[in-house]
Amino acid sequence: MKRIVFLTLFLGVSFSFLADAGNKPLAVNLLEDTERSDARLNGVYNVVMKKLSPEISSKLRGSQRLWIKYRDSVCDFEGIYFHEEEEKNWLKNEYSTGNPKILICIKRLTEQRTQELELYLHKKSVGSNKKKGSLEYEYYSTGELEYTHTIKNGARNGVTVGYYKDGVVRGKWYYVDNKKHGTAIVYHKNGAISRTTNFVNGKRAGE
């Protein structure tokens, strides 16, 4: 399925920004984070599209294209709004001075859209489960579900389940405030235990 969520409007400029920026590690990290967010959005989008009928999928495709225009327009505005002192050609100045505001905007809106699509995927209305905790989903680049993370109080708290591409459970890890804690179990594809590891506050027990 052809991807319709992409960063092509900005990527050509982004690489120029990387070449000119004074703080290269920050620039590289931000660009890579933004591209990962974009890849995750595409993974979720493709999974949702595969589950929909042709009629409904065409509506989602149309709304996604409108969302891309909305995202780009908002990030154009933020580039101008937060840098009014720059010349009229703000896009060039934004990146030639090493200011990453555009990528920050793209990353923020992309992550918000991913959360919306995940709710569609699991047939929940936007805004549901925010107080009681929820699941965060990660996908392989080919669209299959890779992990489900239990999110409470804005962090990983509870079990994370990993999956092979065919949907078989690959492992279980337990988190407390984003740190592995407890016994992690990794499985072979036939369901037999491959290994177990005990974690305490994010470190292997005994380290």
Protein backbone atom coordinates (compact mmCIF):
# COMPACT_ATOMS: atom_id res chain seq x y z
CA MET A 1 0.00 0.00 0.00
CA LYS A 2 1.40 3.41 -0.94
CA ARG A 3 2.31 5.64 1.97
CA ILE A 4 0.54 8.99 2.08
CA VAL A 5 2.07 10.21 5.33
CA PHE A 6 5.50 11.61 4.72
CA LEU A 7 8.01 14.37 5.46
CA THR A 8 9.02 15.19 1.88
CA LEU A 9 8.01 18.83 2.22
CA PHE A 10 10.69 19.32 4.83
CA LEU A 11 13.28 16.57 4.42
CA GLY A 12 15.29 18.26 1.70
CA VAL A 13 15.64 21.31 3.91
CA SER A 14 16.23 19.20 6.99
CA PHE A 15 19.40 17.68 5.60
CA SER A 16 20.67 21.18 4.78
CA PHE A 17 19.92 22.09 8.35
CA LEU A 18 21.99 19.14 9.56
CA ALA A 19 24.93 20.26 7.45
CA ASP A 20 24.84 23.86 8.71
CA ALA A 21 23.68 23.53 12.29
CA GLY A 22 26.15 24.30 15.03
CA ASN A 23 24.76 21.63 17.32
CA LYS A 24 24.91 18.57 15.12
CA PRO A 25 24.12 15.89 17.76
CA LEU A 26 20.88 17.69 18.69
CA ALA A 27 19.95 18.15 15.04
CA VAL A 28 20.63 14.53 14.18
CA ASN A 29 18.69 13.24 17.19
CA LEU A 30 15.70 15.46 16.47
CA LEU A 31 15.56 14.49 12.81
CA GLU A 32 15.85 10.78 13.67
CA ASP A 33 13.13 11.12 16.34
CA THR A 34 10.86 12.85 13.83
CA GLU A 35 11.45 10.18 11.20
CA ARG A 36 10.72 7.44 13.77
CA SER A 37 7.46 9.18 14.66
CA ASP A 38 6.58 9.36 10.98
CA ALA A 39 7.41 5.67 10.47
CA ARG A 40 5.27 4.70 13.45
CA LEU A 41 2.36 6.76 12.12
CA ASN A 42 2.64 5.01 8.77
CA GLY A 43 2.70 1.62 10.45
CA VAL A 44 -0.47 2.33 12.40
CA TYR A 45 -2.17 3.88 9.37
CA ASN A 46 -1.44 0.86 7.19
CA VAL A 47 -2.75 -1.55 9.84
CA VAL A 48 -5.98 0.44 10.18
CA MET A 49 -6.43 0.62 6.40
CA LYS A 50 -6.09 -3.16 6.06
CA LYS A 51 -8.93 -3.67 8.53
CA LEU A 52 -11.40 -1.35 6.78
CA SER A 53 -13.77 -1.96 3.91
CA PRO A 54 -12.93 -0.19 0.62
CA GLU A 55 -15.64 2.41 1.18
CA ILE A 56 -14.53 3.32 4.70
CA SER A 57 -10.82 3.13 3.88
CA SER A 58 -11.30 5.71 1.13
CA LYS A 59 -12.77 8.10 3.70
CA LEU A 60 -9.80 7.57 6.03
CA ARG A 61 -7.40 8.09 3.12
CA GLY A 62 -9.10 11.38 2.32
CA SER A 63 -9.03 12.54 5.93
CA GLN A 64 -5.37 11.60 6.22
CA ARG A 65 -4.50 13.72 3.20
CA LEU A 66 -6.36 16.64 4.75
CA TRP A 67 -4.51 16.06 8.01
CA ILE A 68 -1.16 16.26 6.19
CA LYS A 69 -2.17 19.66 4.77
CA TYR A 70 -3.26 20.74 8.25
CA ARG A 71 0.03 19.58 9.81
CA ASP A 72 2.11 21.36 7.21
CA SER A 73 0.07 24.56 7.53
CA VAL A 74 0.35 24.60 11.33
CA CYS A 75 4.10 24.03 11.23
CA ASP A 76 4.47 26.78 8.62
CA PHE A 77 2.60 29.11 10.98
CA GLU A 78 4.66 28.14 14.03
CA GLY A 79 7.85 28.75 12.10
CA ILE A 80 6.70 32.30 11.39
CA TYR A 81 5.04 32.94 14.76
CA PHE A 82 8.01 31.94 16.88
CA HIS A 83 10.54 33.69 14.64
CA GLU A 84 8.92 36.97 13.61
CA GLU A 85 12.30 38.68 13.69
CA GLU A 86 13.59 36.48 10.86
CA GLU A 87 13.47 37.54 7.24
CA LYS A 88 10.36 36.83 5.17
CA ASN A 89 11.96 33.66 3.84
CA TRP A 90 11.63 32.11 7.30
CA LEU A 91 11.97 28.50 6.16
CA LYS A 92 15.52 29.08 4.93
CA ASN A 93 16.46 30.97 8.09
CA GLU A 94 14.84 28.37 10.33
CA TYR A 95 17.22 25.69 9.16
CA SER A 96 20.31 27.69 8.26
CA THR A 97 20.48 28.96 11.85
CA GLY A 98 20.02 25.46 13.25
CA ASN A 99 16.63 26.16 14.86
CA PRO A 100 14.62 22.92 14.97
CA LYS A 101 11.14 24.43 15.57
CA ILE A 102 9.63 22.94 12.40
CA LEU A 103 10.70 19.39 13.24
CA ILE A 104 9.44 19.81 16.81
CA CYS A 105 6.07 20.83 15.41
CA ILE A 106 5.95 17.94 12.94
CA LYS A 107 6.92 15.43 15.61
CA ARG A 108 4.28 16.72 18.06
CA LEU A 109 1.41 16.64 15.56
CA THR A 110 2.52 13.29 14.13
CA GLU A 111 2.48 11.68 17.57
CA GLN A 112 -0.97 13.13 18.26
CA ARG A 113 -2.30 11.73 14.99
CA THR A 114 -0.77 8.33 15.73
CA GLN A 115 -2.68 8.19 19.02
CA GLU A 116 -5.91 8.98 17.19
CA LEU A 117 -5.34 6.23 14.63
CA GLU A 118 -4.54 3.74 17.41
CA LEU A 119 -7.92 4.49 18.96
CA TYR A 120 -9.58 3.90 15.58
CA LEU A 121 -7.67 0.64 15.28
CA HIS A 122 -9.10 -0.62 18.55
CA LYS A 123 -12.51 0.96 17.98
CA LYS A 124 -12.29 3.47 20.81
CA SER A 125 -13.44 7.06 20.54
CA VAL A 126 -10.82 9.80 20.69
CA GLY A 127 -10.22 10.78 24.32
CA SER A 128 -11.16 7.43 25.86
CA ASN A 129 -9.26 5.70 28.67
CA LYS A 130 -7.14 8.75 29.52
CA LYS A 131 -7.79 8.55 33.25
CA LYS A 132 -7.80 4.81 33.72
CA GLY A 133 -4.63 4.13 31.76
CA SER A 134 -4.27 2.82 28.25
CA LEU A 135 -2.16 0.81 25.86
CA GLU A 136 0.52 2.20 23.58
CA TYR A 137 1.20 0.27 20.39
CA GLU A 138 4.39 -0.19 18.37
CA TYR A 139 4.52 -1.75 14.92
CA TYR A 140 7.08 -3.34 12.67
CA SER A 141 7.97 -1.26 9.61
CA THR A 142 5.85 -3.71 7.59
CA GLY A 143 2.77 -2.91 9.70
CA GLU A 144 2.48 -5.90 12.06
CA LEU A 145 2.01 -5.30 15.78
CA GLU A 146 5.36 -5.50 17.60
CA TYR A 147 4.67 -4.32 21.18
CA THR A 148 1.84 -3.25 23.44
CA HIS A 149 2.88 -1.09 26.41
CA THR A 150 0.70 -0.45 29.45
CA ILE A 151 0.64 3.31 30.09
CA LYS A 152 -0.40 4.77 33.42
CA ASN A 153 0.29 8.28 34.72
CA GLY A 154 2.02 9.14 31.46
CA ALA A 155 4.66 6.40 31.74
CA ARG A 156 5.11 2.69 31.17
CA ASN A 157 3.68 1.05 34.26
CA GLY A 158 2.72 -2.59 33.97
CA VAL A 159 3.28 -5.24 31.35
CA THR A 160 4.76 -4.79 27.90
CA VAL A 161 4.02 -7.64 25.50
CA GLY A 162 6.16 -8.28 22.43
CA TYR A 163 4.97 -10.20 19.36
CA TYR A 164 6.49 -12.02 16.44
CA LYS A 165 5.26 -10.79 13.07
CA ASP A 166 2.73 -13.61 12.87
CA GLY A 167 1.12 -12.46 16.14
CA VAL A 168 2.64 -15.10 18.44
CA VAL A 169 3.71 -13.68 21.80
CA ARG A 170 7.49 -13.16 21.83
CA GLY A 171 7.98 -11.94 25.38
CA LYS A 172 6.70 -10.07 28.42
CA TRP A 173 8.45 -7.30 30.31
CA TYR A 174 7.24 -5.41 33.37
CA TYR A 175 7.82 -1.69 33.96
CA VAL A 176 7.61 0.76 36.84
CA ASP A 177 7.91 4.40 35.79
CA ASN A 178 9.51 3.50 32.43
CA LYS A 179 12.08 1.18 34.03
CA LYS A 180 12.07 -2.60 33.72
CA HIS A 181 11.25 -4.17 37.07
CA GLY A 182 10.44 -7.80 37.79
CA THR A 183 10.83 -10.99 35.79
CA ALA A 184 11.02 -10.64 32.00
CA ILE A 185 10.18 -13.72 29.93
CA VAL A 186 11.16 -14.33 26.30
CA TYR A 187 9.44 -17.14 24.39
CA HIS A 188 10.26 -19.29 21.39
CA LYS A 189 7.65 -19.24 18.64
CA ASN A 190 6.32 -22.61 19.85
CA GLY A 191 5.49 -21.04 23.23
CA ALA A 192 8.36 -22.60 25.18
CA ILE A 193 10.33 -20.26 27.42
CA SER A 194 13.61 -19.17 25.85
CA ARG A 195 14.99 -17.24 28.82
CA THR A 196 14.00 -15.25 31.88
CA THR A 197 15.73 -12.18 33.28
CA ASN A 198 15.12 -10.42 36.58
CA PHE A 199 15.23 -6.62 36.59
CA VAL A 200 15.36 -4.21 39.52
CA ASN A 201 14.79 -0.53 38.83
CA GLY A 202 15.86 -0.80 35.21
CA LYS A 203 18.94 -2.98 35.74
CA ARG A 204 19.50 -6.71 35.65
CA ALA A 205 19.43 -8.13 39.16
CA GLY A 206 22.93 -8.39 40.55
CA GLU A 207 24.47 -5.65 38.38
